[in-house]
Amino acid sequence: MPYVLISTQIRMEVGPTMVGDEHSDPNLMHYLGATKRNMLGNHFWEYYVHDAPRIVLDKLEKCGYRVISMTGVGQTLVWCLHKESINNSAFLPAQDTL
């Protein structure tokens, strides 16, 4: 999956950060330390971490992702990241950088 969306509420710049949906790569979610949850009233699952968006962006950069856009939508900040499709199966950084 070469694209990732992350988001946070403007008043929550220090976390939590939403890092994926129910179809996200489970290996990437594990690397980010994400937990899967279903909020009351939603008909979908999402992954989140307690980290600030800056920490998540740093981790994703180590995996080869680059921010291609960022915007504010209402009270939400959203980043779209992309990773070149050269070798999507090896997204984790080398063990010495973890």
Protein backbone atom coordinates (compact mmCIF):
# COMPACT_ATOMS: atom_id res chain seq x y z
CA MET A 1 0.00 0.00 0.00
CA PRO A 2 1.93 3.06 -1.17
CA TYR A 3 -0.37 5.70 0.43
CA VAL A 4 -1.03 6.44 4.10
CA LEU A 5 -3.33 9.05 5.65
CA ILE A 6 -2.79 10.21 9.21
CA SER A 7 -4.86 12.75 11.10
CA THR A 8 -5.42 14.37 14.46
CA GLN A 9 -7.78 16.90 15.97
CA ILE A 10 -6.36 20.44 16.06
CA ARG A 11 -6.78 20.63 19.83
CA MET A 12 -4.91 17.30 20.15
CA GLU A 13 -1.58 18.11 18.44
CA VAL A 14 0.17 15.91 20.99
CA GLY A 15 -1.96 12.84 20.17
CA PRO A 16 -3.71 10.62 19.68
CA THR A 17 -3.03 10.30 15.96
CA MET A 18 -5.20 8.27 13.60
CA VAL A 19 -2.86 6.22 11.41
CA GLY A 20 -5.01 3.86 9.38
CA ASP A 21 -8.30 2.16 8.67
CA GLU A 22 -9.43 -1.44 8.97
CA HIS A 23 -7.75 -2.28 5.65
CA SER A 24 -4.32 -0.88 6.56
CA ASP A 25 -1.19 -3.03 6.43
CA PRO A 26 -1.09 -4.83 9.80
CA ASN A 27 2.74 -4.97 9.74
CA LEU A 28 2.98 -1.20 9.32
CA MET A 29 0.37 -0.68 12.06
CA HIS A 30 2.38 -2.94 14.37
CA TYR A 31 5.57 -0.97 13.62
CA LEU A 32 3.77 2.28 14.47
CA GLY A 33 2.46 0.74 17.71
CA ALA A 34 -1.13 1.30 16.57
CA THR A 35 -4.23 -0.06 18.26
CA LYS A 36 -7.38 -0.94 16.29
CA ARG A 37 -10.63 0.49 17.65
CA ASN A 38 -14.25 1.09 16.75
CA MET A 39 -15.75 4.31 18.09
CA LEU A 40 -19.35 4.19 19.25
CA GLY A 41 -21.64 5.10 16.35
CA ASN A 42 -19.07 4.43 13.63
CA HIS A 43 -19.53 1.53 11.23
CA PHE A 44 -15.78 1.20 10.61
CA TRP A 45 -12.58 0.46 12.49
CA GLU A 46 -9.54 2.72 12.71
CA TYR A 47 -5.97 2.44 13.97
CA TYR A 48 -4.57 5.06 16.33
CA VAL A 49 -1.47 5.73 18.40
CA HIS A 50 -1.02 7.92 21.46
CA ASP A 51 1.98 9.62 19.79
CA ALA A 52 1.93 13.13 18.39
CA PRO A 53 1.72 13.41 14.58
CA ARG A 54 5.37 14.53 14.44
CA ILE A 55 6.50 11.23 15.98
CA VAL A 56 4.35 9.24 13.53
CA LEU A 57 5.69 11.26 10.58
CA ASP A 58 9.27 10.58 11.73
CA LYS A 59 8.57 6.82 11.93
CA LEU A 60 6.94 6.77 8.49
CA GLU A 61 9.88 8.66 6.97
CA LYS A 62 12.19 5.90 8.25
CA CYS A 63 9.98 3.44 6.32
CA GLY A 64 10.42 5.43 3.09
CA TYR A 65 7.18 7.46 3.15
CA ARG A 66 7.15 11.14 2.16
CA VAL A 67 4.49 13.75 2.89
CA ILE A 68 2.82 14.77 -0.37
CA SER A 69 0.08 16.98 1.09
CA MET A 70 -1.26 18.36 4.34
CA THR A 71 -4.49 20.21 5.04
CA GLY A 72 -6.93 21.24 7.70
CA VAL A 73 -10.50 19.95 7.43
CA GLY A 74 -12.71 21.60 10.01
CA GLN A 75 -11.02 20.84 13.32
CA THR A 76 -8.87 18.03 11.86
CA LEU A 77 -5.33 18.07 10.49
CA VAL A 78 -4.66 15.50 7.73
CA TRP A 79 -1.39 14.37 6.14
CA CYS A 80 -1.15 12.22 3.01
CA LEU A 81 2.06 10.25 2.59
CA HIS A 82 3.33 8.18 -0.32
CA LYS A 83 6.03 5.57 -0.71
CA GLU A 84 7.59 4.66 -4.02
CA SER A 85 6.52 1.20 -5.18
CA ILE A 86 10.03 -0.14 -5.75
CA ASN A 87 9.72 -2.79 -3.03
CA ASN A 88 6.55 -2.39 -0.99
CA SER A 89 7.07 -5.69 0.80
CA ALA A 90 10.14 -4.34 2.65
CA PHE A 91 8.74 -1.19 4.22
CA LEU A 92 10.42 -1.43 7.62
CA PRO A 93 13.75 0.28 8.21
CA ALA A 94 16.81 -1.80 8.93
CA GLN A 95 16.92 -3.26 12.45
CA ASP A 96 19.72 -0.92 13.52
CA THR A 97 17.46 2.14 12.98
CA LEU A 98 14.55 0.86 15.08
